[in-house]
Amino acid sequence: MKMDKLIKILKALSDINRIRILKMLEVKPLCVCEITKILGLAASTVSQHLSILKKAGFIFDLKENKYVNYYLNERSQQMYLKDLIPLIQKWLPDEKIIIQDKEQVKVIDRDNICGI
């Protein structure tokens, strides 16, 4: 049902940490440990947020070497997402926490924090 899909998508957007994750993934793909470090949350909490975003279709993951990287699903053709993702990318350009997160994404060194 179309309404169920829309509700799932809107619920995925209803959390500050999930919005922050989406905005971080605009910069580059990230693994769980990088997102965990930037958000300052437990890995299990970050994994739960990623699961919600993935089920809604906002992101996808890909295993690359020793990391599972999460990507923003910018080419989604799913109903609602193909319209929403470009809008989200325009939102909150002046929000302090988003700016800080994106700056951290640019310099984070996964090899030093992930311990894999």
N, C-alpha and C. Protein backbone atom coordinates (compact mmCIF):
# COMPACT_ATOMS: atom_id res chain seq x y z
N MET A 1 0.85 -1.19 0.00
CA MET A 1 0.00 0.00 0.00
C MET A 1 0.89 1.25 0.00
N LYS A 2 0.53 2.20 -0.82
CA LYS A 2 1.32 3.41 -0.95
C LYS A 2 1.41 4.19 0.35
N MET A 3 0.33 4.24 1.11
CA MET A 3 0.33 5.01 2.35
C MET A 3 1.29 4.39 3.36
N ASP A 4 1.34 3.07 3.42
CA ASP A 4 2.26 2.39 4.34
C ASP A 4 3.71 2.75 4.03
N LYS A 5 4.05 2.79 2.74
CA LYS A 5 5.42 3.13 2.33
C LYS A 5 5.74 4.57 2.73
N LEU A 6 4.80 5.48 2.51
CA LEU A 6 5.02 6.88 2.87
C LEU A 6 5.20 7.04 4.37
N ILE A 7 4.41 6.34 5.16
CA ILE A 7 4.51 6.40 6.62
C ILE A 7 5.88 5.90 7.07
N LYS A 8 6.36 4.80 6.49
CA LYS A 8 7.69 4.26 6.82
C LYS A 8 8.78 5.28 6.51
N ILE A 9 8.66 5.95 5.38
CA ILE A 9 9.64 6.96 4.97
C ILE A 9 9.63 8.15 5.92
N LEU A 10 8.43 8.63 6.24
CA LEU A 10 8.33 9.79 7.12
C LEU A 10 8.79 9.47 8.54
N LYS A 11 8.51 8.28 9.02
CA LYS A 11 9.00 7.87 10.34
C LYS A 11 10.52 7.81 10.36
N ALA A 12 11.12 7.36 9.25
CA ALA A 12 12.58 7.30 9.18
C ALA A 12 13.19 8.70 9.30
N LEU A 13 12.47 9.70 8.86
CA LEU A 13 12.96 11.08 8.92
C LEU A 13 12.67 11.77 10.25
N SER A 14 12.02 11.07 11.16
CA SER A 14 11.55 11.71 12.39
C SER A 14 12.54 11.67 13.55
N ASP A 15 13.81 11.45 13.25
CA ASP A 15 14.81 11.38 14.31
C ASP A 15 16.03 12.21 13.90
N ILE A 16 16.52 13.02 14.82
CA ILE A 16 17.66 13.90 14.51
C ILE A 16 18.89 13.12 14.08
N ASN A 17 19.15 11.98 14.71
CA ASN A 17 20.34 11.21 14.35
C ASN A 17 20.23 10.61 12.96
N ARG A 18 19.04 10.23 12.54
CA ARG A 18 18.87 9.70 11.19
C ARG A 18 19.02 10.81 10.15
N ILE A 19 18.54 11.99 10.47
CA ILE A 19 18.76 13.14 9.58
C ILE A 19 20.26 13.43 9.48
N ARG A 20 20.93 13.42 10.63
CA ARG A 20 22.38 13.66 10.62
C ARG A 20 23.11 12.62 9.78
N ILE A 21 22.72 11.37 9.88
CA ILE A 21 23.35 10.31 9.08
C ILE A 21 23.14 10.57 7.59
N LEU A 22 21.92 10.90 7.21
CA LEU A 22 21.66 11.18 5.79
C LEU A 22 22.51 12.34 5.30
N LYS A 23 22.62 13.38 6.11
CA LYS A 23 23.41 14.55 5.72
C LYS A 23 24.90 14.20 5.64
N MET A 24 25.39 13.34 6.53
CA MET A 24 26.79 12.91 6.47
C MET A 24 27.06 12.11 5.21
N LEU A 25 26.10 11.26 4.83
CA LEU A 25 26.29 10.41 3.66
C LEU A 25 26.24 11.21 2.36
N GLU A 26 25.84 12.47 2.42
CA GLU A 26 25.93 13.34 1.26
C GLU A 26 27.40 13.61 0.91
N VAL A 27 28.26 13.57 1.92
CA VAL A 27 29.68 13.87 1.71
C VAL A 27 30.40 12.66 1.11
N LYS A 28 30.20 11.49 1.73
CA LYS A 28 30.85 10.27 1.24
C LYS A 28 30.25 9.07 1.97
N PRO A 29 30.46 7.87 1.42
CA PRO A 29 30.01 6.65 2.11
C PRO A 29 30.78 6.49 3.42
N LEU A 30 30.11 5.94 4.41
CA LEU A 30 30.71 5.75 5.73
C LEU A 30 30.39 4.36 6.26
N CYS A 31 31.25 3.87 7.15
CA CYS A 31 30.98 2.61 7.84
C CYS A 31 30.40 2.92 9.23
N VAL A 32 29.92 1.89 9.89
CA VAL A 32 29.28 2.06 11.20
C VAL A 32 30.20 2.74 12.20
N CYS A 33 31.47 2.33 12.23
CA CYS A 33 32.35 2.90 13.25
C CYS A 33 32.60 4.39 13.03
N GLU A 34 32.63 4.82 11.78
CA GLU A 34 32.80 6.25 11.49
C GLU A 34 31.56 7.04 11.94
N ILE A 35 30.40 6.52 11.62
CA ILE A 35 29.15 7.18 12.01
C ILE A 35 29.03 7.21 13.53
N THR A 36 29.39 6.11 14.17
CA THR A 36 29.36 6.00 15.63
C THR A 36 30.25 7.06 16.26
N LYS A 37 31.45 7.22 15.73
CA LYS A 37 32.40 8.19 16.25
C LYS A 37 31.85 9.62 16.14
N ILE A 38 31.30 9.96 15.00
CA ILE A 38 30.79 11.32 14.77
C ILE A 38 29.56 11.60 15.63
N LEU A 39 28.64 10.65 15.69
CA LEU A 39 27.41 10.88 16.47
C LEU A 39 27.63 10.74 17.98
N GLY A 40 28.67 10.00 18.38
CA GLY A 40 28.90 9.77 19.80
C GLY A 40 27.87 8.85 20.42
N LEU A 41 27.39 7.90 19.63
CA LEU A 41 26.39 6.94 20.10
C LEU A 41 26.99 5.53 20.12
N ALA A 42 26.32 4.62 20.76
CA ALA A 42 26.73 3.22 20.76
C ALA A 42 26.56 2.65 19.36
N ALA A 43 27.44 1.71 19.01
CA ALA A 43 27.37 1.09 17.68
C ALA A 43 26.02 0.41 17.46
N SER A 44 25.46 -0.19 18.50
CA SER A 44 24.16 -0.85 18.36
C SER A 44 23.05 0.16 18.03
N THR A 45 23.13 1.34 18.62
CA THR A 45 22.15 2.39 18.34
C THR A 45 22.29 2.88 16.91
N VAL A 46 23.52 3.09 16.48
CA VAL A 46 23.76 3.52 15.10
C VAL A 46 23.28 2.45 14.13
N SER A 47 23.53 1.20 14.43
CA SER A 47 23.08 0.11 13.57
C SER A 47 21.56 0.09 13.45
N GLN A 48 20.88 0.38 14.54
CA GLN A 48 19.41 0.45 14.52
C GLN A 48 18.94 1.59 13.62
N HIS A 49 19.57 2.75 13.73
CA HIS A 49 19.22 3.89 12.87
C HIS A 49 19.47 3.55 11.40
N LEU A 50 20.60 2.90 11.12
CA LEU A 50 20.91 2.52 9.75
C LEU A 50 19.90 1.51 9.21
N SER A 51 19.47 0.60 10.05
CA SER A 51 18.47 -0.38 9.65
C SER A 51 17.15 0.30 9.25
N ILE A 52 16.73 1.26 10.03
CA ILE A 52 15.49 2.00 9.73
C ILE A 52 15.62 2.75 8.41
N LEU A 53 16.76 3.42 8.22
CA LEU A 53 16.98 4.16 6.97
C LEU A 53 17.05 3.22 5.77
N LYS A 54 17.65 2.06 5.97
CA LYS A 54 17.77 1.09 4.88
C LYS A 54 16.40 0.52 4.51
N LYS A 55 15.62 0.15 5.51
CA LYS A 55 14.28 -0.40 5.25
C LYS A 55 13.38 0.61 4.55
N ALA A 56 13.57 1.89 4.85
CA ALA A 56 12.79 2.94 4.19
C ALA A 56 13.29 3.22 2.78
N GLY A 57 14.51 2.76 2.46
CA GLY A 57 15.06 2.92 1.13
C GLY A 57 15.98 4.12 0.95
N PHE A 58 16.27 4.83 2.03
CA PHE A 58 17.13 6.01 1.94
C PHE A 58 18.59 5.67 1.68
N ILE A 59 19.02 4.52 2.17
CA ILE A 59 20.43 4.15 2.06
C ILE A 59 20.54 2.69 1.61
N PHE A 60 21.75 2.33 1.17
CA PHE A 60 22.07 0.93 0.91
C PHE A 60 23.49 0.69 1.39
N ASP A 61 23.82 -0.57 1.60
CA ASP A 61 25.17 -0.90 2.06
C ASP A 61 25.87 -1.79 1.05
N LEU A 62 27.19 -1.72 1.11
CA LEU A 62 28.02 -2.51 0.22
C LEU A 62 29.27 -2.92 0.97
N LYS A 63 29.58 -4.22 0.95
CA LYS A 63 30.81 -4.68 1.59
C LYS A 63 31.96 -4.39 0.64
N GLU A 64 32.94 -3.66 1.16
CA GLU A 64 34.12 -3.32 0.36
C GLU A 64 35.35 -3.61 1.21
N ASN A 65 36.07 -4.64 0.79
CA ASN A 65 37.22 -5.11 1.55
C ASN A 65 36.77 -5.47 2.96
N LYS A 66 37.34 -4.84 3.98
CA LYS A 66 37.00 -5.20 5.36
C LYS A 66 35.89 -4.34 5.95
N TYR A 67 35.33 -3.43 5.16
CA TYR A 67 34.29 -2.52 5.67
C TYR A 67 32.96 -2.74 4.96
N VAL A 68 31.88 -2.48 5.69
CA VAL A 68 30.56 -2.38 5.09
C VAL A 68 30.26 -0.89 5.04
N ASN A 69 30.20 -0.35 3.83
CA ASN A 69 29.97 1.07 3.65
C ASN A 69 28.50 1.35 3.38
N TYR A 70 28.03 2.43 3.94
CA TYR A 70 26.65 2.87 3.74
C TYR A 70 26.65 4.06 2.80
N TYR A 71 25.73 4.02 1.84
CA TYR A 71 25.61 5.03 0.79
C TYR A 71 24.23 5.65 0.82
N LEU A 72 24.16 6.92 0.50
CA LEU A 72 22.88 7.58 0.28
C LEU A 72 22.34 7.08 -1.06
N ASN A 73 21.10 6.66 -1.09
CA ASN A 73 20.49 6.08 -2.29
C ASN A 73 20.00 7.20 -3.22
N GLU A 74 20.94 7.95 -3.77
CA GLU A 74 20.62 9.12 -4.58
C GLU A 74 19.93 8.80 -5.90
N ARG A 75 20.03 7.59 -6.36
CA ARG A 75 19.43 7.22 -7.65
C ARG A 75 18.15 6.42 -7.47
N SER A 76 17.59 6.47 -6.29
CA SER A 76 16.37 5.72 -6.03
C SER A 76 15.26 6.13 -6.99
N GLN A 77 14.57 5.13 -7.48
CA GLN A 77 13.40 5.39 -8.32
C GLN A 77 12.11 5.03 -7.58
N GLN A 78 12.26 4.72 -6.28
CA GLN A 78 11.09 4.39 -5.48
C GLN A 78 10.18 5.60 -5.34
N MET A 79 8.90 5.32 -5.35
CA MET A 79 7.92 6.38 -5.14
C MET A 79 8.27 7.12 -3.85
N TYR A 80 8.14 8.38 -3.85
CA TYR A 80 8.42 9.31 -2.75
C TYR A 80 9.91 9.58 -2.58
N LEU A 81 10.74 8.55 -2.58
CA LEU A 81 12.17 8.76 -2.35
C LEU A 81 12.83 9.53 -3.48
N LYS A 82 12.42 9.27 -4.70
CA LYS A 82 13.05 9.97 -5.83
C LYS A 82 12.78 11.47 -5.76
N ASP A 83 11.71 11.87 -5.08
CA ASP A 83 11.42 13.29 -4.88
C ASP A 83 12.03 13.82 -3.58
N LEU A 84 12.00 13.01 -2.55
CA LEU A 84 12.45 13.45 -1.22
C LEU A 84 13.96 13.59 -1.08
N ILE A 85 14.71 12.66 -1.60
CA ILE A 85 16.17 12.69 -1.40
C ILE A 85 16.79 13.98 -1.94
N PRO A 86 16.45 14.42 -3.15
CA PRO A 86 17.00 15.71 -3.60
C PRO A 86 16.58 16.88 -2.71
N LEU A 87 15.39 16.83 -2.16
CA LEU A 87 14.93 17.88 -1.25
C LEU A 87 15.73 17.88 0.04
N ILE A 88 15.93 16.70 0.60
CA ILE A 88 16.70 16.58 1.84
C ILE A 88 18.11 17.14 1.66
N GLN A 89 18.67 16.92 0.48
CA GLN A 89 20.01 17.41 0.20
C GLN A 89 20.07 18.94 0.22
N LYS A 90 18.95 19.59 0.02
CA LYS A 90 18.90 21.05 0.05
C LYS A 90 18.61 21.59 1.45
N TRP A 91 18.10 20.75 2.32
CA TRP A 91 17.66 21.18 3.65
C TRP A 91 18.84 21.39 4.60
N LEU A 92 18.68 22.28 5.54
CA LEU A 92 19.58 22.51 6.68
C LEU A 92 21.02 22.90 6.32
N PRO A 93 21.23 23.68 5.28
CA PRO A 93 22.61 24.02 4.93
C PRO A 93 23.34 24.86 5.98
N ASP A 94 22.59 25.58 6.80
CA ASP A 94 23.20 26.46 7.80
C ASP A 94 23.10 25.92 9.22
N GLU A 95 22.63 24.69 9.37
CA GLU A 95 22.46 24.09 10.70
C GLU A 95 23.84 23.73 11.26
N LYS A 96 24.15 24.26 12.42
CA LYS A 96 25.49 24.11 13.01
C LYS A 96 25.93 22.65 13.14
N ILE A 97 25.07 21.80 13.67
CA ILE A 97 25.46 20.40 13.89
C ILE A 97 25.70 19.68 12.56
N ILE A 98 24.95 20.02 11.54
CA ILE A 98 25.13 19.42 10.21
C ILE A 98 26.47 19.86 9.62
N ILE A 99 26.79 21.12 9.76
CA ILE A 99 28.07 21.64 9.27
C ILE A 99 29.22 20.94 9.99
N GLN A 100 29.11 20.81 11.31
CA GLN A 100 30.16 20.14 12.10
C GLN A 100 30.31 18.67 11.69
N ASP A 101 29.18 17.99 11.54
CA ASP A 101 29.23 16.58 11.12
C ASP A 101 29.94 16.43 9.78
N LYS A 102 29.57 17.26 8.83
CA LYS A 102 30.16 17.17 7.49
C LYS A 102 31.66 17.46 7.51
N GLU A 103 32.08 18.38 8.36
CA GLU A 103 33.51 18.67 8.50
C GLU A 103 34.24 17.45 9.06
N GLN A 104 33.63 16.79 10.06
CA GLN A 104 34.25 15.58 10.62
C GLN A 104 34.33 14.47 9.60
N VAL A 105 33.28 14.33 8.78
CA VAL A 105 33.28 13.29 7.74
C VAL A 105 34.46 13.48 6.80
N LYS A 106 34.78 14.71 6.48
CA LYS A 106 35.87 15.01 5.54
C LYS A 106 37.23 14.58 6.07
N VAL A 107 37.41 14.55 7.39
CA VAL A 107 38.74 14.28 7.95
C VAL A 107 38.84 12.98 8.75
N ILE A 108 37.72 12.28 8.91
CA ILE A 108 37.74 11.07 9.74
C ILE A 108 38.65 10.01 9.12
N ASP A 109 39.39 9.33 9.96
CA ASP A 109 40.34 8.31 9.52
C ASP A 109 39.87 6.95 10.04
N ARG A 110 39.16 6.24 9.22
CA ARG A 110 38.55 4.97 9.65
C ARG A 110 39.56 3.96 10.15
N ASP A 111 40.74 3.94 9.57
CA ASP A 111 41.74 2.96 9.98
C ASP A 111 42.18 3.17 11.44
N ASN A 112 42.12 4.40 11.92
CA ASN A 112 42.49 4.68 13.31
C ASN A 112 41.36 4.45 14.29
N ILE A 113 40.11 4.53 13.85
CA ILE A 113 39.00 4.40 14.80
C ILE A 113 38.28 3.06 14.73
N CYS A 114 38.38 2.38 13.61
CA CYS A 114 37.58 1.15 13.46
C CYS A 114 38.26 -0.09 14.02
N GLY A 115 39.56 -0.10 14.06
CA GLY A 115 40.28 -1.22 14.65
C GLY A 115 40.05 -2.54 13.96
N ILE A 116 39.80 -2.52 12.69
CA ILE A 116 39.59 -3.78 11.95
C ILE A 116 40.91 -4.27 11.41
